[in-house]
Amino acid sequence: MKKKRFSEEQIISILKENEAGIPIRELARKYGFCEQTFYRWKSKFGGMEVSDARKLKKLEEENRRLKQLVGELSLDNQALKWVIEKNA
């Protein structure tokens, strides 16, 4: 997986700088990202505090783990059904 250049804390501080009145182009030049990246960050982290971003990250990780668990259980269930049908 690609390593991120900016942490959630840095992204939120950049968004807050924009809310304080610094233009997006100036922030993009200062920190080295493109304007589209800023708008992507704003759609994901807009209005959040650092603690909210940490909670979001934990929830996303838990959701990923649960999806993986459901997938594994579905495969087990499918294999058991196949064995039962074969024996019947």
PDB file of N, CA and C in Angstrom:
ATOM      1  N   MET A   1       0.836  -1.176   0.000  1.00  0.00           N
ATOM      2  CA  MET A   1       0.000   0.000   0.000  1.00  0.00           C
ATOM      3  C   MET A   1       0.885   1.245   0.000  1.00  0.00           C
ATOM      4  N   LYS A   2       0.454   2.254  -0.703  1.00  0.00           N
ATOM      5  CA  LYS A   2       1.233   3.480  -0.840  1.00  0.00           C
ATOM      6  C   LYS A   2       1.289   4.226   0.504  1.00  0.00           C
ATOM      7  N   LYS A   3       2.486   4.672   0.860  1.00  0.00           N
ATOM      8  CA  LYS A   3       2.658   5.430   2.094  1.00  0.00           C
ATOM      9  C   LYS A   3       2.144   6.849   1.890  1.00  0.00           C
ATOM     10  N   LYS A   4       1.382   7.331   2.849  1.00  0.00           N
ATOM     11  CA  LYS A   4       0.829   8.671   2.763  1.00  0.00           C
ATOM     12  C   LYS A   4       1.880   9.693   3.172  1.00  0.00           C
ATOM     13  N   ARG A   5       1.881  10.828   2.496  1.00  0.00           N
ATOM     14  CA  ARG A   5       2.840  11.882   2.800  1.00  0.00           C
ATOM     15  C   ARG A   5       2.402  12.729   3.974  1.00  0.00           C
ATOM     16  N   PHE A   6       1.098  12.844   4.180  1.00  0.00           N
ATOM     17  CA  PHE A   6       0.566  13.708   5.229  1.00  0.00           C
ATOM     18  C   PHE A   6      -0.277  12.887   6.193  1.00  0.00           C
ATOM     19  N   SER A   7      -0.095  13.131   7.478  1.00  0.00           N
ATOM     20  CA  SER A   7      -0.924  12.458   8.485  1.00  0.00           C
ATOM     21  C   SER A   7      -2.268  13.178   8.578  1.00  0.00           C
ATOM     22  N   GLU A   8      -3.201  12.541   9.250  1.00  0.00           N
ATOM     23  CA  GLU A   8      -4.513  13.162   9.423  1.00  0.00           C
ATOM     24  C   GLU A   8      -4.397  14.496  10.159  1.00  0.00           C
ATOM     25  N   GLU A   9      -3.505  14.560  11.125  1.00  0.00           N
ATOM     26  CA  GLU A   9      -3.315  15.791  11.885  1.00  0.00           C
ATOM     27  C   GLU A   9      -2.818  16.915  10.979  1.00  0.00           C
ATOM     28  N   GLN A  10      -1.867  16.600  10.097  1.00  0.00           N
ATOM     29  CA  GLN A  10      -1.333  17.607   9.176  1.00  0.00           C
ATOM     30  C   GLN A  10      -2.415  18.069   8.202  1.00  0.00           C
ATOM     31  N   ILE A  11      -3.206  17.126   7.706  1.00  0.00           N
ATOM     32  CA  ILE A  11      -4.271  17.475   6.757  1.00  0.00           C
ATOM     33  C   ILE A  11      -5.273  18.406   7.413  1.00  0.00           C
ATOM     34  N   ILE A  12      -5.671  18.094   8.631  1.00  0.00           N
ATOM     35  CA  ILE A  12      -6.651  18.924   9.338  1.00  0.00           C
ATOM     36  C   ILE A  12      -6.080  20.312   9.604  1.00  0.00           C
ATOM     37  N   SER A  13      -4.790  20.384   9.934  1.00  0.00           N
ATOM     38  CA  SER A  13      -4.197  21.712  10.164  1.00  0.00           C
ATOM     39  C   SER A  13      -4.142  22.518   8.862  1.00  0.00           C
ATOM     40  N   ILE A  14      -3.889  21.856   7.740  1.00  0.00           N
ATOM     41  CA  ILE A  14      -3.892  22.545   6.443  1.00  0.00           C
ATOM     42  C   ILE A  14      -5.298  23.063   6.132  1.00  0.00           C
ATOM     43  N   LEU A  15      -6.319  22.240   6.388  1.00  0.00           N
ATOM     44  CA  LEU A  15      -7.702  22.669   6.152  1.00  0.00           C
ATOM     45  C   LEU A  15      -8.063  23.860   7.037  1.00  0.00           C
ATOM     46  N   LYS A  16      -7.577  23.847   8.269  1.00  0.00           N
ATOM     47  CA  LYS A  16      -7.856  24.963   9.182  1.00  0.00           C
ATOM     48  C   LYS A  16      -7.155  26.245   8.715  1.00  0.00           C
ATOM     49  N   GLU A  17      -5.965  26.097   8.139  1.00  0.00           N
ATOM     50  CA  GLU A  17      -5.283  27.271   7.584  1.00  0.00           C
ATOM     51  C   GLU A  17      -6.110  27.886   6.469  1.00  0.00           C
ATOM     52  N   ASN A  18      -6.724  27.030   5.642  1.00  0.00           N
ATOM     53  CA  ASN A  18      -7.579  27.542   4.566  1.00  0.00           C
ATOM     54  C   ASN A  18      -8.804  28.241   5.140  1.00  0.00           C
ATOM     55  N   GLU A  19      -9.379  27.689   6.196  1.00  0.00           N
ATOM     56  CA  GLU A  19     -10.536  28.325   6.834  1.00  0.00           C
ATOM     57  C   GLU A  19     -10.157  29.683   7.420  1.00  0.00           C
ATOM     58  N   ALA A  20      -8.892  29.829   7.815  1.00  0.00           N
ATOM     59  CA  ALA A  20      -8.416  31.092   8.372  1.00  0.00           C
ATOM     60  C   ALA A  20      -8.181  32.148   7.291  1.00  0.00           C
ATOM     61  N   GLY A  21      -8.269  31.750   6.017  1.00  0.00           N
ATOM     62  CA  GLY A  21      -8.166  32.736   4.951  1.00  0.00           C
ATOM     63  C   GLY A  21      -7.005  32.579   4.006  1.00  0.00           C
ATOM     64  N   ILE A  22      -6.167  31.592   4.186  1.00  0.00           N
ATOM     65  CA  ILE A  22      -5.038  31.397   3.278  1.00  0.00           C
ATOM     66  C   ILE A  22      -5.555  30.698   2.020  1.00  0.00           C
ATOM     67  N   PRO A  23      -5.264  31.238   0.829  1.00  0.00           N
ATOM     68  CA  PRO A  23      -5.760  30.645  -0.421  1.00  0.00           C
ATOM     69  C   PRO A  23      -5.218  29.235  -0.653  1.00  0.00           C
ATOM     70  N   ILE A  24      -5.997  28.432  -1.364  1.00  0.00           N
ATOM     71  CA  ILE A  24      -5.632  27.041  -1.627  1.00  0.00           C
ATOM     72  C   ILE A  24      -4.340  26.960  -2.421  1.00  0.00           C
ATOM     73  N   ARG A  25      -4.184  27.820  -3.429  1.00  0.00           N
ATOM     74  CA  ARG A  25      -2.963  27.787  -4.253  1.00  0.00           C
ATOM     75  C   ARG A  25      -1.717  28.023  -3.419  1.00  0.00           C
ATOM     76  N   GLU A  26      -1.812  28.932  -2.460  1.00  0.00           N
ATOM     77  CA  GLU A  26      -0.659  29.222  -1.607  1.00  0.00           C
ATOM     78  C   GLU A  26      -0.342  28.025  -0.711  1.00  0.00           C
ATOM     79  N   LEU A  27      -1.383  27.391  -0.149  1.00  0.00           N
ATOM     80  CA  LEU A  27      -1.168  26.198   0.676  1.00  0.00           C
ATOM     81  C   LEU A  27      -0.571  25.062  -0.151  1.00  0.00           C
ATOM     82  N   ALA A  28      -1.080  24.897  -1.375  1.00  0.00           N
ATOM     83  CA  ALA A  28      -0.578  23.834  -2.254  1.00  0.00           C
ATOM     84  C   ALA A  28       0.904  24.051  -2.566  1.00  0.00           C
ATOM     85  N   ARG A  29       1.277  25.268  -2.814  1.00  0.00           N
ATOM     86  CA  ARG A  29       2.678  25.581  -3.102  1.00  0.00           C
ATOM     87  C   ARG A  29       3.545  25.380  -1.856  1.00  0.00           C
ATOM     88  N   LYS A  30       3.033  25.807  -0.710  1.00  0.00           N
ATOM     89  CA  LYS A  30       3.794  25.729   0.538  1.00  0.00           C
ATOM     90  C   LYS A  30       4.059  24.276   0.958  1.00  0.00           C
ATOM     91  N   TYR A  31       3.021  23.413   0.838  1.00  0.00           N
ATOM     92  CA  TYR A  31       3.151  22.037   1.325  1.00  0.00           C
ATOM     93  C   TYR A  31       3.421  21.015   0.229  1.00  0.00           C
ATOM     94  N   GLY A  32       3.282  21.408  -1.024  1.00  0.00           N
ATOM     95  CA  GLY A  32       3.621  20.508  -2.120  1.00  0.00           C
ATOM     96  C   GLY A  32       2.553  19.489  -2.459  1.00  0.00           C
ATOM     97  N   PHE A  33       1.323  19.902  -2.613  1.00  0.00           N
ATOM     98  CA  PHE A  33       0.251  19.018  -3.069  1.00  0.00           C
ATOM     99  C   PHE A  33      -0.559  19.764  -4.121  1.00  0.00           C
ATOM    100  N   CYS A  34      -1.374  19.036  -4.867  1.00  0.00           N
ATOM    101  CA  CYS A  34      -2.174  19.692  -5.909  1.00  0.00           C
ATOM    102  C   CYS A  34      -3.533  20.100  -5.344  1.00  0.00           C
ATOM    103  N   GLU A  35      -4.193  20.999  -6.048  1.00  0.00           N
ATOM    104  CA  GLU A  35      -5.479  21.516  -5.575  1.00  0.00           C
ATOM    105  C   GLU A  35      -6.525  20.422  -5.473  1.00  0.00           C
ATOM    106  N   GLN A  36      -6.498  19.455  -6.387  1.00  0.00           N
ATOM    107  CA  GLN A  36      -7.468  18.357  -6.332  1.00  0.00           C
ATOM    108  C   GLN A  36      -7.320  17.569  -5.035  1.00  0.00           C
ATOM    109  N   THR A  37      -6.098  17.392  -4.579  1.00  0.00           N
ATOM    110  CA  THR A  37      -5.852  16.709  -3.317  1.00  0.00           C
ATOM    111  C   THR A  37      -6.508  17.471  -2.173  1.00  0.00           C
ATOM    112  N   PHE A  38      -6.402  18.786  -2.208  1.00  0.00           N
ATOM    113  CA  PHE A  38      -7.027  19.602  -1.171  1.00  0.00           C
ATOM    114  C   PHE A  38      -8.531  19.357  -1.121  1.00  0.00           C
ATOM    115  N   TYR A  39      -9.173  19.356  -2.283  1.00  0.00           N
ATOM    116  CA  TYR A  39     -10.626  19.161  -2.309  1.00  0.00           C
ATOM    117  C   TYR A  39     -11.008  17.750  -1.863  1.00  0.00           C
ATOM    118  N   ARG A  40     -10.173  16.755  -2.162  1.00  0.00           N
ATOM    119  CA  ARG A  40     -10.410  15.389  -1.687  1.00  0.00           C
ATOM    120  C   ARG A  40     -10.310  15.347  -0.164  1.00  0.00           C
ATOM    121  N   TRP A  41      -9.287  16.010   0.373  1.00  0.00           N
ATOM    122  CA  TRP A  41      -9.138  16.080   1.824  1.00  0.00           C
ATOM    123  C   TRP A  41     -10.329  16.781   2.456  1.00  0.00           C
ATOM    124  N   LYS A  42     -10.764  17.862   1.827  1.00  0.00           N
ATOM    125  CA  LYS A  42     -11.873  18.641   2.377  1.00  0.00           C
ATOM    126  C   LYS A  42     -13.155  17.824   2.412  1.00  0.00           C
ATOM    127  N   SER A  43     -13.375  16.995   1.398  1.00  0.00           N
ATOM    128  CA  SER A  43     -14.581  16.171   1.392  1.00  0.00           C
ATOM    129  C   SER A  43     -14.520  15.081   2.455  1.00  0.00           C
ATOM    130  N   LYS A  44     -13.316  14.609   2.768  1.00  0.00           N
ATOM    131  CA  LYS A  44     -13.185  13.538   3.761  1.00  0.00           C
ATOM    132  C   LYS A  44     -13.040  14.082   5.182  1.00  0.00           C
ATOM    133  N   PHE A  45     -12.232  15.113   5.365  1.00  0.00           N
ATOM    134  CA  PHE A  45     -11.901  15.593   6.704  1.00  0.00           C
ATOM    135  C   PHE A  45     -12.493  16.955   7.041  1.00  0.00           C
ATOM    136  N   GLY A  46     -13.264  17.559   6.146  1.00  0.00           N
ATOM    137  CA  GLY A  46     -13.801  18.897   6.383  1.00  0.00           C
ATOM    138  C   GLY A  46     -14.653  18.964   7.633  1.00  0.00           C
ATOM    139  N   GLY A  47     -14.370  19.908   8.503  1.00  0.00           N
ATOM    140  CA  GLY A  47     -15.131  20.097   9.739  1.00  0.00           C
ATOM    141  C   GLY A  47     -14.737  19.164  10.870  1.00  0.00           C
ATOM    142  N   MET A  48     -13.730  18.342  10.669  1.00  0.00           N
ATOM    143  CA  MET A  48     -13.312  17.393  11.707  1.00  0.00           C
ATOM    144  C   MET A  48     -12.220  17.991  12.579  1.00  0.00           C
ATOM    145  N   GLU A  49     -12.150  17.471  13.772  1.00  0.00           N
ATOM    146  CA  GLU A  49     -11.028  17.730  14.665  1.00  0.00           C
ATOM    147  C   GLU A  49     -10.100  16.527  14.585  1.00  0.00           C
ATOM    148  N   VAL A  50      -8.923  16.623  15.171  1.00  0.00           N
ATOM    149  CA  VAL A  50      -7.948  15.531  15.131  1.00  0.00           C
ATOM    150  C   VAL A  50      -8.520  14.281  15.792  1.00  0.00           C
ATOM    151  N   SER A  51      -9.229  14.443  16.908  1.00  0.00           N
ATOM    152  CA  SER A  51      -9.797  13.276  17.597  1.00  0.00           C
ATOM    153  C   SER A  51     -10.835  12.575  16.729  1.00  0.00           C
ATOM    154  N   ASP A  52     -11.611  13.353  15.965  1.00  0.00           N
ATOM    155  CA  ASP A  52     -12.597  12.766  15.056  1.00  0.00           C
ATOM    156  C   ASP A  52     -11.909  11.942  13.966  1.00  0.00           C
ATOM    157  N   ALA A  53     -10.795  12.445  13.460  1.00  0.00           N
ATOM    158  CA  ALA A  53     -10.058  11.733  12.413  1.00  0.00           C
ATOM    159  C   ALA A  53      -9.495  10.420  12.956  1.00  0.00           C
ATOM    160  N   ARG A  54      -9.028  10.436  14.186  1.00  0.00           N
ATOM    161  CA  ARG A  54      -8.518   9.197  14.786  1.00  0.00           C
ATOM    162  C   ARG A  54      -9.639   8.178  14.952  1.00  0.00           C
ATOM    163  N   LYS A  55     -10.815   8.646  15.395  1.00  0.00           N
ATOM    164  CA  LYS A  55     -11.963   7.742  15.523  1.00  0.00           C
ATOM    165  C   LYS A  55     -12.346   7.161  14.168  1.00  0.00           C
ATOM    166  N   LEU A  56     -12.342   8.000  13.127  1.00  0.00           N
ATOM    167  CA  LEU A  56     -12.672   7.548  11.782  1.00  0.00           C
ATOM    168  C   LEU A  56     -11.692   6.475  11.330  1.00  0.00           C
ATOM    169  N   LYS A  57     -10.415   6.683  11.586  1.00  0.00           N
ATOM    170  CA  LYS A  57      -9.399   5.713  11.182  1.00  0.00           C
ATOM    171  C   LYS A  57      -9.608   4.379  11.897  1.00  0.00           C
ATOM    172  N   LYS A  58      -9.932   4.420  13.194  1.00  0.00           N
ATOM    173  CA  LYS A  58     -10.190   3.188  13.948  1.00  0.00           C
ATOM    174  C   LYS A  58     -11.421   2.473  13.409  1.00  0.00           C
ATOM    175  N   LEU A  59     -12.471   3.227  13.092  1.00  0.00           N
ATOM    176  CA  LEU A  59     -13.688   2.623  12.560  1.00  0.00           C
ATOM    177  C   LEU A  59     -13.449   1.998  11.184  1.00  0.00           C
ATOM    178  N   GLU A  60     -12.669   2.663  10.340  1.00  0.00           N
ATOM    179  CA  GLU A  60     -12.353   2.112   9.024  1.00  0.00           C
ATOM    180  C   GLU A  60     -11.561   0.819   9.165  1.00  0.00           C
ATOM    181  N   GLU A  61     -10.626   0.777  10.102  1.00  0.00           N
ATOM    182  CA  GLU A  61      -9.832  -0.438  10.329  1.00  0.00           C
ATOM    183  C   GLU A  61     -10.727  -1.565  10.846  1.00  0.00           C
ATOM    184  N   GLU A  62     -11.617  -1.267  11.778  1.00  0.00           N
ATOM    185  CA  GLU A  62     -12.533  -2.287  12.297  1.00  0.00           C
ATOM    186  C   GLU A  62     -13.457  -2.795  11.191  1.00  0.00           C
ATOM    187  N   ASN A  63     -13.939  -1.894  10.350  1.00  0.00           N
ATOM    188  CA  ASN A  63     -14.807  -2.278   9.242  1.00  0.00           C
ATOM    189  C   ASN A  63     -14.076  -3.197   8.265  1.00  0.00           C
ATOM    190  N   ARG A  64     -12.813  -2.888   7.964  1.00  0.00           N
ATOM    191  CA  ARG A  64     -12.014  -3.734   7.080  1.00  0.00           C
ATOM    192  C   ARG A  64     -11.840  -5.130   7.673  1.00  0.00           C
ATOM    193  N   ARG A  65     -11.562  -5.172   8.973  1.00  0.00           N
ATOM    194  CA  ARG A  65     -11.356  -6.447   9.652  1.00  0.00           C
ATOM    195  C   ARG A  65     -12.641  -7.282   9.657  1.00  0.00           C
ATOM    196  N   LEU A  66     -13.779  -6.636   9.907  1.00  0.00           N
ATOM    197  CA  LEU A  66     -15.053  -7.349   9.927  1.00  0.00           C
ATOM    198  C   LEU A  66     -15.438  -7.856   8.538  1.00  0.00           C
ATOM    199  N   LYS A  67     -15.165  -7.070   7.506  1.00  0.00           N
ATOM    200  CA  LYS A  67     -15.440  -7.526   6.145  1.00  0.00           C
ATOM    201  C   LYS A  67     -14.609  -8.752   5.794  1.00  0.00           C
ATOM    202  N   GLN A  68     -13.364  -8.753   6.220  1.00  0.00           N
ATOM    203  CA  GLN A  68     -12.491  -9.893   5.971  1.00  0.00           C
ATOM    204  C   GLN A  68     -13.018 -11.118   6.705  1.00  0.00           C
ATOM    205  N   LEU A  69     -13.462 -10.943   7.937  1.00  0.00           N
ATOM    206  CA  LEU A  69     -14.008 -12.046   8.730  1.00  0.00           C
ATOM    207  C   LEU A  69     -15.256 -12.621   8.076  1.00  0.00           C
ATOM    208  N   VAL A  70     -16.140 -11.756   7.597  1.00  0.00           N
ATOM    209  CA  VAL A  70     -17.356 -12.212   6.924  1.00  0.00           C
ATOM    210  C   VAL A  70     -17.002 -12.994   5.665  1.00  0.00           C
ATOM    211  N   GLY A  71     -16.036 -12.527   4.915  1.00  0.00           N
ATOM    212  CA  GLY A  71     -15.604 -13.237   3.712  1.00  0.00           C
ATOM    213  C   GLY A  71     -15.073 -14.622   4.025  1.00  0.00           C
ATOM    214  N   GLU A  72     -14.254 -14.730   5.074  1.00  0.00           N
ATOM    215  CA  GLU A  72     -13.705 -16.027   5.462  1.00  0.00           C
ATOM    216  C   GLU A  72     -14.810 -16.969   5.924  1.00  0.00           C
ATOM    217  N   LEU A  73     -15.757 -16.454   6.699  1.00  0.00           N
ATOM    218  CA  LEU A  73     -16.863 -17.290   7.168  1.00  0.00           C
ATOM    219  C   LEU A  73     -17.755 -17.739   6.013  1.00  0.00           C
ATOM    220  N   SER A  74     -17.937 -16.887   5.032  1.00  0.00           N
ATOM    221  CA  SER A  74     -18.734 -17.263   3.860  1.00  0.00           C
ATOM    222  C   SER A  74     -18.061 -18.395   3.092  1.00  0.00           C
ATOM    223  N   LEU A  75     -16.743 -18.326   2.955  1.00  0.00           N
ATOM    224  CA  LEU A  75     -16.018 -19.405   2.290  1.00  0.00           C
ATOM    225  C   LEU A  75     -16.134 -20.713   3.065  1.00  0.00           C
ATOM    226  N   ASP A  76     -16.002 -20.647   4.388  1.00  0.00           N
ATOM    227  CA  ASP A  76     -16.157 -21.842   5.221  1.00  0.00           C
ATOM    228  C   ASP A  76     -17.552 -22.433   5.060  1.00  0.00           C
ATOM    229  N   ASN A  77     -18.570 -21.570   5.070  1.00  0.00           N
ATOM    230  CA  ASN A  77     -19.949 -22.013   4.921  1.00  0.00           C
ATOM    231  C   ASN A  77     -20.158 -22.680   3.567  1.00  0.00           C
ATOM    232  N   GLN A  78     -19.601 -22.092   2.527  1.00  0.00           N
ATOM    233  CA  GLN A  78     -19.729 -22.648   1.182  1.00  0.00           C
ATOM    234  C   GLN A  78     -19.038 -24.008   1.094  1.00  0.00           C
ATOM    235  N   ALA A  79     -17.884 -24.139   1.716  1.00  0.00           N
ATOM    236  CA  ALA A  79     -17.156 -25.414   1.701  1.00  0.00           C
ATOM    237  C   ALA A  79     -17.942 -26.485   2.443  1.00  0.00           C
ATOM    238  N   LEU A  80     -18.540 -26.138   3.572  1.00  0.00           N
ATOM    239  CA  LEU A  80     -19.334 -27.112   4.327  1.00  0.00           C
ATOM    240  C   LEU A  80     -20.564 -27.558   3.530  1.00  0.00           C
ATOM    241  N   LYS A  81     -21.205 -26.641   2.852  1.00  0.00           N
ATOM    242  CA  LYS A  81     -22.355 -27.000   2.018  1.00  0.00           C
ATOM    243  C   LYS A  81     -21.933 -27.944   0.904  1.00  0.00           C
ATOM    244  N   TRP A  82     -20.771 -27.696   0.318  1.00  0.00           N
ATOM    245  CA  TRP A  82     -20.275 -28.544  -0.742  1.00  0.00           C
ATOM    246  C   TRP A  82     -20.003 -29.964  -0.218  1.00  0.00           C
ATOM    247  N   VAL A  83     -19.424 -30.077   0.981  1.00  0.00           N
ATOM    248  CA  VAL A  83     -19.142 -31.389   1.581  1.00  0.00           C
ATOM    249  C   VAL A  83     -20.452 -32.120   1.877  1.00  0.00           C
ATOM    250  N   ILE A  84     -21.448 -31.419   2.389  1.00  0.00           N
ATOM    251  CA  ILE A  84     -22.744 -32.040   2.709  1.00  0.00           C
ATOM    252  C   ILE A  84     -23.412 -32.545   1.431  1.00  0.00           C
ATOM    253  N   GLU A  85     -23.391 -31.753   0.373  1.00  0.00           N
ATOM    254  CA  GLU A  85     -24.000 -32.157  -0.894  1.00  0.00           C
ATOM    255  C   GLU A  85     -23.254 -33.361  -1.499  1.00  0.00           C
ATOM    256  N   LYS A  86     -21.957 -33.402  -1.330  1.00  0.00           N
ATOM    257  CA  LYS A  86     -21.163 -34.497  -1.864  1.00  0.00           C
ATOM    258  C   LYS A  86     -21.463 -35.798  -1.144  1.00  0.00           C
ATOM    259  N   ASN A  87     -21.681 -35.698   0.194  1.00  0.00           N
ATOM    260  CA  ASN A  87     -21.947 -36.890   0.987  1.00  0.00           C
ATOM    261  C   ASN A  87     -23.398 -37.364   0.868  1.00  0.00           C
ATOM    262  N   ALA A  88     -24.290 -36.520   0.443  1.00  0.00           N
ATOM    263  CA  ALA A  88     -25.713 -36.889   0.383  1.00  0.00           C
ATOM    264  C   ALA A  88     -26.061 -37.693  -0.821  1.00  0.00           C
TER     265      ALA A  88
END
